[in-house]
Amino acid sequence: MGGAERTARKQRQQKAARRAVAQARGGDANKKMIVAVIGIVVLAAVVIGGVLWTNSSKNTTAGQDVTPQTDRVVGGQVVEKRDGAVVLVGKPGVKQVVDVYADFLCPACGQFQELYGKKIEDKVNNGELGVRYHMVPFLNKNSDPPGYSLESANAALVAADFGKFTPFHDSLFKDQPEEGKRGYDKAQLIKLGQGLGITDPKFAEGVNGGSYEKQLIDDFSKTVNDPNFKGTPTVVYNGARVEYGDPGWLDKMLGAGKG
């Protein structure tokens, strides 16, 4: 084989080697591109799935009825009287009266109601205790959309005008929405009232029209300046804040009041 042939053969081999390297590199690039595309698709699926799950979780109260707590009623001779933005529940002439400040969206208020709600109501029904309920829009911006704290408080005041504050109050805490998510809309609040036996169309008018919302806002602006108010729930008795961490606080409070 002559020198020219050897040179030509060598050149062909070098070209073939370069083509092989180029093809290998191209294959690697294609593989990398495929992996990248798959990664993007998987990420998109995760993001979309997360958004769908978040929206579903946020809207768990949509289309859901609040279960009417029809067994939670005031006893004989117990009166529910709305005074502005406050509802007094108790027998006429009751001597020991406690103020309870709560928000229907507040998780701690829900826990307070679960722990002490029935105990308080039993003492109201037997004449030992009266309660001034202050349903405050403390977390009004913390629902999605905002406004549930105010709308639910207003609906509870309207329910009080029809003697249904206690079961309405207890029903909203029993099926309490999660803070940061959707509350119940006005139609759902109206349906709850109807489920508790309120048939007068003025109830729906009061809920839809926000009859007491201005009073609630004005009253709350005073409440936040009260040194006893430390957020929700707050319990005040004889002008002093009550520490309710002790499970026996209610009996101790009433016992001290009798002394």
C-alpha atoms as a PDB file:
ATOM      1  CA  MET A   1       0.000   0.000   0.000  1.00  0.00           C
ATOM      2  CA  GLY A   2       1.460   3.317  -1.083  1.00  0.00           C
ATOM      3  CA  GLY A   3       1.848   6.376   1.069  1.00  0.00           C
ATOM      4  CA  ALA A   4      -1.011   8.157  -0.670  1.00  0.00           C
ATOM      5  CA  GLU A   5      -3.369   5.272  -0.034  1.00  0.00           C
ATOM      6  CA  ARG A   6      -2.327   5.061   3.597  1.00  0.00           C
ATOM      7  CA  THR A   7      -2.951   8.757   3.991  1.00  0.00           C
ATOM      8  CA  ALA A   8      -6.376   8.509   2.350  1.00  0.00           C
ATOM      9  CA  ARG A   9      -7.307   5.533   4.510  1.00  0.00           C
ATOM     10  CA  LYS A  10      -6.214   7.341   7.641  1.00  0.00           C
ATOM     11  CA  GLN A  11      -8.301  10.357   6.683  1.00  0.00           C
ATOM     12  CA  ARG A  12     -11.343   8.134   6.120  1.00  0.00           C
ATOM     13  CA  GLN A  13     -10.845   6.531   9.526  1.00  0.00           C
ATOM     14  CA  GLN A  14     -10.541   9.938  11.199  1.00  0.00           C
ATOM     15  CA  LYS A  15     -13.739  11.136   9.486  1.00  0.00           C
ATOM     16  CA  ALA A  16     -15.553   7.991  10.605  1.00  0.00           C
ATOM     17  CA  ALA A  17     -14.308   8.485  14.144  1.00  0.00           C
ATOM     18  CA  ARG A  18     -15.482  12.121  14.121  1.00  0.00           C
ATOM     19  CA  ARG A  19     -18.915  11.058  12.834  1.00  0.00           C
ATOM     20  CA  ALA A  20     -19.179   8.447  15.599  1.00  0.00           C
ATOM     21  CA  VAL A  21     -18.264  11.017  18.238  1.00  0.00           C
ATOM     22  CA  ALA A  22     -20.758  13.512  16.805  1.00  0.00           C
ATOM     23  CA  GLN A  23     -23.491  10.888  16.747  1.00  0.00           C
ATOM     24  CA  ALA A  24     -22.712   9.900  20.315  1.00  0.00           C
ATOM     25  CA  ARG A  25     -22.818  13.499  21.401  1.00  0.00           C
ATOM     26  CA  GLY A  26     -26.075  14.018  19.532  1.00  0.00           C
ATOM     27  CA  GLY A  27     -27.515  10.964  21.218  1.00  0.00           C
ATOM     28  CA  ASP A  28     -26.486  12.279  24.613  1.00  0.00           C
ATOM     29  CA  ALA A  29     -28.047  15.629  23.824  1.00  0.00           C
ATOM     30  CA  ASN A  30     -31.244  13.953  22.682  1.00  0.00           C
ATOM     31  CA  LYS A  31     -31.322  11.857  25.840  1.00  0.00           C
ATOM     32  CA  LYS A  32     -30.771  14.946  27.959  1.00  0.00           C
ATOM     33  CA  MET A  33     -33.545  16.752  26.086  1.00  0.00           C
ATOM     34  CA  ILE A  34     -35.933  13.829  26.600  1.00  0.00           C
ATOM     35  CA  VAL A  35     -35.104  13.674  30.304  1.00  0.00           C
ATOM     36  CA  ALA A  36     -35.616  17.425  30.600  1.00  0.00           C
ATOM     37  CA  VAL A  37     -38.988  17.242  28.827  1.00  0.00           C
ATOM     38  CA  ILE A  38     -40.111  14.373  31.066  1.00  0.00           C
ATOM     39  CA  GLY A  39     -39.004  16.376  34.106  1.00  0.00           C
ATOM     40  CA  ILE A  40     -41.021  19.403  32.972  1.00  0.00           C
ATOM     41  CA  VAL A  41     -44.111  17.263  32.367  1.00  0.00           C
ATOM     42  CA  VAL A  42     -43.828  15.616  35.785  1.00  0.00           C
ATOM     43  CA  LEU A  43     -43.323  18.989  37.477  1.00  0.00           C
ATOM     44  CA  ALA A  44     -46.328  20.441  35.673  1.00  0.00           C
ATOM     45  CA  ALA A  45     -48.441  17.475  36.752  1.00  0.00           C
ATOM     46  CA  VAL A  46     -47.340  17.949  40.360  1.00  0.00           C
ATOM     47  CA  VAL A  47     -48.088  21.683  40.262  1.00  0.00           C
ATOM     48  CA  ILE A  48     -51.499  21.186  38.632  1.00  0.00           C
ATOM     49  CA  GLY A  49     -52.336  18.406  41.057  1.00  0.00           C
ATOM     50  CA  GLY A  50     -51.298  20.613  43.967  1.00  0.00           C
ATOM     51  CA  VAL A  51     -53.429  23.494  42.719  1.00  0.00           C
ATOM     52  CA  LEU A  52     -56.443  21.226  42.246  1.00  0.00           C
ATOM     53  CA  TRP A  53     -55.964  19.721  45.708  1.00  0.00           C
ATOM     54  CA  THR A  54     -55.535  23.157  47.294  1.00  0.00           C
ATOM     55  CA  ASN A  55     -58.672  24.504  45.624  1.00  0.00           C
ATOM     56  CA  SER A  56     -60.633  21.427  46.608  1.00  0.00           C
ATOM     57  CA  SER A  57     -59.405  21.677  50.199  1.00  0.00           C
ATOM     58  CA  LYS A  58     -60.088  25.411  50.312  1.00  0.00           C
ATOM     59  CA  ASN A  59     -63.649  24.959  49.119  1.00  0.00           C
ATOM     60  CA  THR A  60     -64.711  22.066  51.346  1.00  0.00           C
ATOM     61  CA  THR A  61     -67.739  24.018  52.612  1.00  0.00           C
ATOM     62  CA  ALA A  62     -69.070  24.684  49.094  1.00  0.00           C
ATOM     63  CA  GLY A  63     -72.435  22.977  48.701  1.00  0.00           C
ATOM     64  CA  GLN A  64     -72.229  21.608  52.226  1.00  0.00           C
ATOM     65  CA  ASP A  65     -75.112  22.089  54.660  1.00  0.00           C
ATOM     66  CA  VAL A  66     -74.431  23.065  58.251  1.00  0.00           C
ATOM     67  CA  THR A  67     -75.979  20.355  60.411  1.00  0.00           C
ATOM     68  CA  PRO A  68     -78.660  21.960  62.629  1.00  0.00           C
ATOM     69  CA  GLN A  69     -77.994  21.143  66.283  1.00  0.00           C
ATOM     70  CA  THR A  70     -81.663  20.892  67.118  1.00  0.00           C
ATOM     71  CA  ASP A  71     -80.986  19.333  70.528  1.00  0.00           C
ATOM     72  CA  ARG A  72     -79.086  22.416  71.738  1.00  0.00           C
ATOM     73  CA  VAL A  73     -81.927  24.567  72.964  1.00  0.00           C
ATOM     74  CA  VAL A  74     -82.391  26.874  75.906  1.00  0.00           C
ATOM     75  CA  GLY A  75     -84.388  25.528  78.834  1.00  0.00           C
ATOM     76  CA  GLY A  76     -87.685  26.742  80.145  1.00  0.00           C
ATOM     77  CA  GLN A  77     -87.738  30.373  81.315  1.00  0.00           C
ATOM     78  CA  VAL A  78     -84.342  31.023  79.720  1.00  0.00           C
ATOM     79  CA  VAL A  79     -84.468  34.117  77.554  1.00  0.00           C
ATOM     80  CA  GLU A  80     -82.285  35.047  74.591  1.00  0.00           C
ATOM     81  CA  LYS A  81     -82.218  38.803  74.274  1.00  0.00           C
ATOM     82  CA  ARG A  82     -80.192  40.712  71.714  1.00  0.00           C
ATOM     83  CA  ASP A  83     -78.863  44.032  72.950  1.00  0.00           C
ATOM     84  CA  GLY A  84     -77.119  45.721  70.041  1.00  0.00           C
ATOM     85  CA  ALA A  85     -74.283  43.414  69.023  1.00  0.00           C
ATOM     86  CA  VAL A  86     -74.474  41.332  72.205  1.00  0.00           C
ATOM     87  CA  VAL A  87     -76.808  38.454  73.034  1.00  0.00           C
ATOM     88  CA  LEU A  88     -77.705  37.848  76.682  1.00  0.00           C
ATOM     89  CA  VAL A  89     -78.805  34.296  77.411  1.00  0.00           C
ATOM     90  CA  GLY A  90     -80.127  33.437  80.852  1.00  0.00           C
ATOM     91  CA  LYS A  91     -83.077  33.305  83.180  1.00  0.00           C
ATOM     92  CA  PRO A  92     -84.555  36.657  84.249  1.00  0.00           C
ATOM     93  CA  GLY A  93     -82.814  37.993  87.337  1.00  0.00           C
ATOM     94  CA  VAL A  94     -79.778  35.704  87.093  1.00  0.00           C
ATOM     95  CA  LYS A  95     -77.079  37.128  89.340  1.00  0.00           C
ATOM     96  CA  GLN A  96     -73.879  35.700  87.904  1.00  0.00           C
ATOM     97  CA  VAL A  97     -73.192  36.759  84.339  1.00  0.00           C
ATOM     98  CA  VAL A  98     -70.084  36.071  82.271  1.00  0.00           C
ATOM     99  CA  ASP A  99     -68.979  37.688  79.002  1.00  0.00           C
ATOM    100  CA  VAL A 100     -67.682  35.413  76.262  1.00  0.00           C
ATOM    101  CA  TYR A 101     -65.925  36.895  73.218  1.00  0.00           C
ATOM    102  CA  ALA A 102     -65.623  34.506  70.287  1.00  0.00           C
ATOM    103  CA  ASP A 103     -65.344  34.291  66.507  1.00  0.00           C
ATOM    104  CA  PHE A 104     -67.067  31.568  64.492  1.00  0.00           C
ATOM    105  CA  LEU A 105     -63.868  31.083  62.446  1.00  0.00           C
ATOM    106  CA  CYS A 106     -61.502  30.917  65.434  1.00  0.00           C
ATOM    107  CA  PRO A 107     -60.094  27.368  65.972  1.00  0.00           C
ATOM    108  CA  ALA A 108     -59.428  28.056  69.668  1.00  0.00           C
ATOM    109  CA  CYS A 109     -63.045  29.189  70.054  1.00  0.00           C
ATOM    110  CA  GLY A 110     -64.165  25.936  68.488  1.00  0.00           C
ATOM    111  CA  GLN A 111     -62.075  24.036  71.035  1.00  0.00           C
ATOM    112  CA  PHE A 112     -63.460  26.181  73.857  1.00  0.00           C
ATOM    113  CA  GLN A 113     -67.004  25.413  72.709  1.00  0.00           C
ATOM    114  CA  GLU A 114     -66.247  21.707  72.477  1.00  0.00           C
ATOM    115  CA  LEU A 115     -64.783  21.622  75.986  1.00  0.00           C
ATOM    116  CA  TYR A 116     -67.088  23.973  77.840  1.00  0.00           C
ATOM    117  CA  GLY A 117     -70.083  24.825  75.655  1.00  0.00           C
ATOM    118  CA  LYS A 118     -72.483  22.257  77.100  1.00  0.00           C
ATOM    119  CA  LYS A 119     -71.302  22.882  80.674  1.00  0.00           C
ATOM    120  CA  ILE A 120     -71.984  26.587  80.264  1.00  0.00           C
ATOM    121  CA  GLU A 121     -75.396  25.983  78.704  1.00  0.00           C
ATOM    122  CA  ASP A 122     -76.375  23.507  81.429  1.00  0.00           C
ATOM    123  CA  LYS A 123     -75.634  26.142  84.056  1.00  0.00           C
ATOM    124  CA  VAL A 124     -77.606  28.683  82.047  1.00  0.00           C
ATOM    125  CA  ASN A 125     -80.562  26.319  81.855  1.00  0.00           C
ATOM    126  CA  ASN A 126     -80.547  25.602  85.586  1.00  0.00           C
ATOM    127  CA  GLY A 127     -80.399  29.294  86.440  1.00  0.00           C
ATOM    128  CA  GLU A 128     -76.878  29.423  87.850  1.00  0.00           C
ATOM    129  CA  LEU A 129     -75.378  31.509  85.065  1.00  0.00           C
ATOM    130  CA  GLY A 130     -76.142  34.095  82.444  1.00  0.00           C
ATOM    131  CA  VAL A 131     -73.916  34.664  79.404  1.00  0.00           C
ATOM    132  CA  ARG A 132     -73.348  37.739  77.300  1.00  0.00           C
ATOM    133  CA  TYR A 133     -72.164  36.451  73.950  1.00  0.00           C
ATOM    134  CA  HIS A 134     -69.993  38.814  71.913  1.00  0.00           C
ATOM    135  CA  MET A 135     -69.552  37.271  68.455  1.00  0.00           C
ATOM    136  CA  VAL A 136     -66.699  39.399  67.153  1.00  0.00           C
ATOM    137  CA  PRO A 137     -65.310  39.647  63.584  1.00  0.00           C
ATOM    138  CA  PHE A 138     -61.769  39.184  64.881  1.00  0.00           C
ATOM    139  CA  LEU A 139     -60.651  36.962  61.976  1.00  0.00           C
ATOM    140  CA  ASN A 140     -62.753  38.604  59.292  1.00  0.00           C
ATOM    141  CA  LYS A 141     -59.847  38.704  56.818  1.00  0.00           C
ATOM    142  CA  ASN A 142     -58.826  35.119  57.520  1.00  0.00           C
ATOM    143  CA  SER A 143     -61.407  33.324  55.408  1.00  0.00           C
ATOM    144  CA  ASP A 144     -61.256  32.884  51.635  1.00  0.00           C
ATOM    145  CA  PRO A 145     -63.060  34.952  50.499  1.00  0.00           C
ATOM    146  CA  PRO A 146     -62.801  37.327  53.470  1.00  0.00           C
ATOM    147  CA  GLY A 147     -65.895  38.282  55.444  1.00  0.00           C
ATOM    148  CA  TYR A 148     -67.134  35.051  57.009  1.00  0.00           C
ATOM    149  CA  SER A 149     -66.553  36.153  60.612  1.00  0.00           C
ATOM    150  CA  LEU A 150     -68.725  39.226  60.159  1.00  0.00           C
ATOM    151  CA  GLU A 151     -71.447  37.540  58.112  1.00  0.00           C
ATOM    152  CA  SER A 152     -71.777  34.599  60.505  1.00  0.00           C
ATOM    153  CA  ALA A 153     -71.851  36.903  63.536  1.00  0.00           C
ATOM    154  CA  ASN A 154     -74.576  38.979  61.897  1.00  0.00           C
ATOM    155  CA  ALA A 155     -76.594  35.846  61.082  1.00  0.00           C
ATOM    156  CA  ALA A 156     -76.314  34.690  64.702  1.00  0.00           C
ATOM    157  CA  LEU A 157     -77.675  38.037  65.929  1.00  0.00           C
ATOM    158  CA  VAL A 158     -80.576  37.778  63.508  1.00  0.00           C
ATOM    159  CA  ALA A 159     -81.207  34.226  64.756  1.00  0.00           C
ATOM    160  CA  ALA A 160     -81.305  35.622  68.298  1.00  0.00           C
ATOM    161  CA  ASP A 161     -84.231  37.831  67.285  1.00  0.00           C
ATOM    162  CA  PHE A 162     -86.132  34.612  66.599  1.00  0.00           C
ATOM    163  CA  GLY A 163     -85.046  32.817  69.782  1.00  0.00           C
ATOM    164  CA  LYS A 164     -82.585  30.530  67.998  1.00  0.00           C
ATOM    165  CA  PHE A 165     -79.216  31.955  68.953  1.00  0.00           C
ATOM    166  CA  THR A 166     -78.041  28.985  71.027  1.00  0.00           C
ATOM    167  CA  PRO A 167     -78.637  26.219  68.441  1.00  0.00           C
ATOM    168  CA  PHE A 168     -77.417  28.509  65.625  1.00  0.00           C
ATOM    169  CA  HIS A 169     -74.252  29.299  67.602  1.00  0.00           C
ATOM    170  CA  ASP A 170     -73.640  25.642  68.453  1.00  0.00           C
ATOM    171  CA  SER A 171     -74.280  24.470  64.888  1.00  0.00           C
ATOM    172  CA  LEU A 172     -71.677  26.827  63.410  1.00  0.00           C
ATOM    173  CA  PHE A 173     -69.074  25.645  65.890  1.00  0.00           C
ATOM    174  CA  LYS A 174     -69.970  21.970  65.402  1.00  0.00           C
ATOM    175  CA  ASP A 175     -69.336  22.247  61.640  1.00  0.00           C
ATOM    176  CA  GLN A 176     -66.708  24.980  61.936  1.00  0.00           C
ATOM    177  CA  PRO A 177     -64.874  25.947  58.719  1.00  0.00           C
ATOM    178  CA  GLU A 178     -61.095  25.910  58.709  1.00  0.00           C
ATOM    179  CA  GLU A 179     -59.315  29.220  59.215  1.00  0.00           C
ATOM    180  CA  GLY A 180     -57.819  30.472  55.947  1.00  0.00           C
ATOM    181  CA  LYS A 181     -60.357  28.651  53.810  1.00  0.00           C
ATOM    182  CA  ARG A 182     -63.926  29.131  52.681  1.00  0.00           C
ATOM    183  CA  GLY A 183     -66.594  29.840  55.287  1.00  0.00           C
ATOM    184  CA  TYR A 184     -70.336  29.447  54.732  1.00  0.00           C
ATOM    185  CA  ASP A 185     -72.081  31.890  52.446  1.00  0.00           C
ATOM    186  CA  LYS A 186     -75.285  33.735  53.259  1.00  0.00           C
ATOM    187  CA  ALA A 187     -77.467  31.168  51.516  1.00  0.00           C
ATOM    188  CA  GLN A 188     -75.985  28.426  53.701  1.00  0.00           C
ATOM    189  CA  LEU A 189     -76.459  30.528  56.846  1.00  0.00           C
ATOM    190  CA  ILE A 190     -80.088  31.128  55.896  1.00  0.00           C
ATOM    191  CA  LYS A 191     -80.629  27.424  55.263  1.00  0.00           C
ATOM    192  CA  LEU A 192     -79.221  26.664  58.724  1.00  0.00           C
ATOM    193  CA  GLY A 193     -81.720  29.043  60.301  1.00  0.00           C
ATOM    194  CA  GLN A 194     -84.530  27.410  58.375  1.00  0.00           C
ATOM    195  CA  GLY A 195     -83.312  23.998  59.507  1.00  0.00           C
ATOM    196  CA  LEU A 196     -83.639  25.241  63.081  1.00  0.00           C
ATOM    197  CA  GLY A 197     -87.239  26.233  62.485  1.00  0.00           C
ATOM    198  CA  ILE A 198     -86.973  29.913  61.541  1.00  0.00           C
ATOM    199  CA  THR A 199     -89.657  30.397  58.887  1.00  0.00           C
ATOM    200  CA  ASP A 200     -90.104  34.172  58.983  1.00  0.00           C
ATOM    201  CA  PRO A 201     -88.757  35.708  55.720  1.00  0.00           C
ATOM    202  CA  LYS A 202     -87.323  38.569  57.785  1.00  0.00           C
ATOM    203  CA  PHE A 203     -84.579  36.209  58.901  1.00  0.00           C
ATOM    204  CA  ALA A 204     -83.307  35.807  55.340  1.00  0.00           C
ATOM    205  CA  GLU A 205     -83.688  39.548  54.805  1.00  0.00           C
ATOM    206  CA  GLY A 206     -81.579  40.255  57.899  1.00  0.00           C
ATOM    207  CA  VAL A 207     -78.843  37.855  56.827  1.00  0.00           C
ATOM    208  CA  ASN A 208     -78.722  39.041  53.222  1.00  0.00           C
ATOM    209  CA  GLY A 209     -78.936  42.689  54.192  1.00  0.00           C
ATOM    210  CA  GLY A 210     -76.320  42.518  56.958  1.00  0.00           C
ATOM    211  CA  SER A 211     -78.726  44.060  59.474  1.00  0.00           C
ATOM    212  CA  TYR A 212     -76.270  44.163  62.365  1.00  0.00           C
ATOM    213  CA  GLU A 213     -72.923  44.259  60.587  1.00  0.00           C
ATOM    214  CA  LYS A 214     -72.326  47.951  61.314  1.00  0.00           C
ATOM    215  CA  GLN A 215     -73.155  47.447  64.991  1.00  0.00           C
ATOM    216  CA  LEU A 216     -70.775  44.497  65.120  1.00  0.00           C
ATOM    217  CA  ILE A 217     -67.955  46.535  63.575  1.00  0.00           C
ATOM    218  CA  ASP A 218     -68.576  49.517  65.867  1.00  0.00           C
ATOM    219  CA  ASP A 219     -68.778  47.306  68.946  1.00  0.00           C
ATOM    220  CA  PHE A 220     -65.606  45.446  67.997  1.00  0.00           C
ATOM    221  CA  SER A 221     -63.695  48.715  67.607  1.00  0.00           C
ATOM    222  CA  LYS A 222     -64.404  49.295  71.311  1.00  0.00           C
ATOM    223  CA  THR A 223     -63.655  45.723  72.296  1.00  0.00           C
ATOM    224  CA  VAL A 224     -60.110  45.765  70.919  1.00  0.00           C
ATOM    225  CA  ASN A 225     -59.331  48.668  73.263  1.00  0.00           C
ATOM    226  CA  ASP A 226     -60.571  46.773  76.315  1.00  0.00           C
ATOM    227  CA  PRO A 227     -57.505  45.642  78.336  1.00  0.00           C
ATOM    228  CA  ASN A 228     -59.332  42.428  79.230  1.00  0.00           C
ATOM    229  CA  PHE A 229     -59.658  41.414  75.600  1.00  0.00           C
ATOM    230  CA  LYS A 230     -56.768  39.208  74.539  1.00  0.00           C
ATOM    231  CA  GLY A 231     -58.075  37.801  71.299  1.00  0.00           C
ATOM    232  CA  THR A 232     -60.584  35.031  70.889  1.00  0.00           C
ATOM    233  CA  PRO A 233     -61.809  33.382  72.956  1.00  0.00           C
ATOM    234  CA  THR A 234     -61.801  35.769  75.910  1.00  0.00           C
ATOM    235  CA  VAL A 235     -63.888  35.233  79.039  1.00  0.00           C
ATOM    236  CA  VAL A 236     -64.585  38.114  81.417  1.00  0.00           C
ATOM    237  CA  TYR A 237     -66.331  37.894  84.793  1.00  0.00           C
ATOM    238  CA  ASN A 238     -66.914  40.759  87.226  1.00  0.00           C
ATOM    239  CA  GLY A 239     -64.698  43.033  85.143  1.00  0.00           C
ATOM    240  CA  ALA A 240     -61.697  40.689  85.118  1.00  0.00           C
ATOM    241  CA  ARG A 241     -60.417  38.254  82.535  1.00  0.00           C
ATOM    242  CA  VAL A 242     -60.889  34.600  83.443  1.00  0.00           C
ATOM    243  CA  GLU A 243     -58.138  32.052  82.874  1.00  0.00           C
ATOM    244  CA  TYR A 244     -59.944  28.984  81.556  1.00  0.00           C
ATOM    245  CA  GLY A 245     -56.967  26.661  81.222  1.00  0.00           C
ATOM    246  CA  ASP A 246     -58.041  24.889  84.421  1.00  0.00           C
ATOM    247  CA  PRO A 247     -60.840  22.417  83.516  1.00  0.00           C
ATOM    248  CA  GLY A 248     -62.626  23.391  86.754  1.00  0.00           C
ATOM    249  CA  TRP A 249     -62.566  27.138  86.079  1.00  0.00           C
ATOM    250  CA  LEU A 250     -66.330  27.439  85.631  1.00  0.00           C
ATOM    251  CA  ASP A 251     -67.286  25.877  88.973  1.00  0.00           C
ATOM    252  CA  LYS A 252     -64.528  27.812  90.743  1.00  0.00           C
ATOM    253  CA  MET A 253     -65.690  31.060  89.166  1.00  0.00           C
ATOM    254  CA  LEU A 254     -69.300  30.481  90.199  1.00  0.00           C
ATOM    255  CA  GLY A 255     -68.251  29.347  93.648  1.00  0.00           C
ATOM    256  CA  ALA A 256     -66.182  32.492  94.154  1.00  0.00           C
ATOM    257  CA  GLY A 257     -69.120  34.588  92.975  1.00  0.00           C
ATOM    258  CA  LYS A 258     -71.377  33.103  95.624  1.00  0.00           C
ATOM    259  CA  GLY A 259     -68.873  33.756  98.398  1.00  0.00           C
END
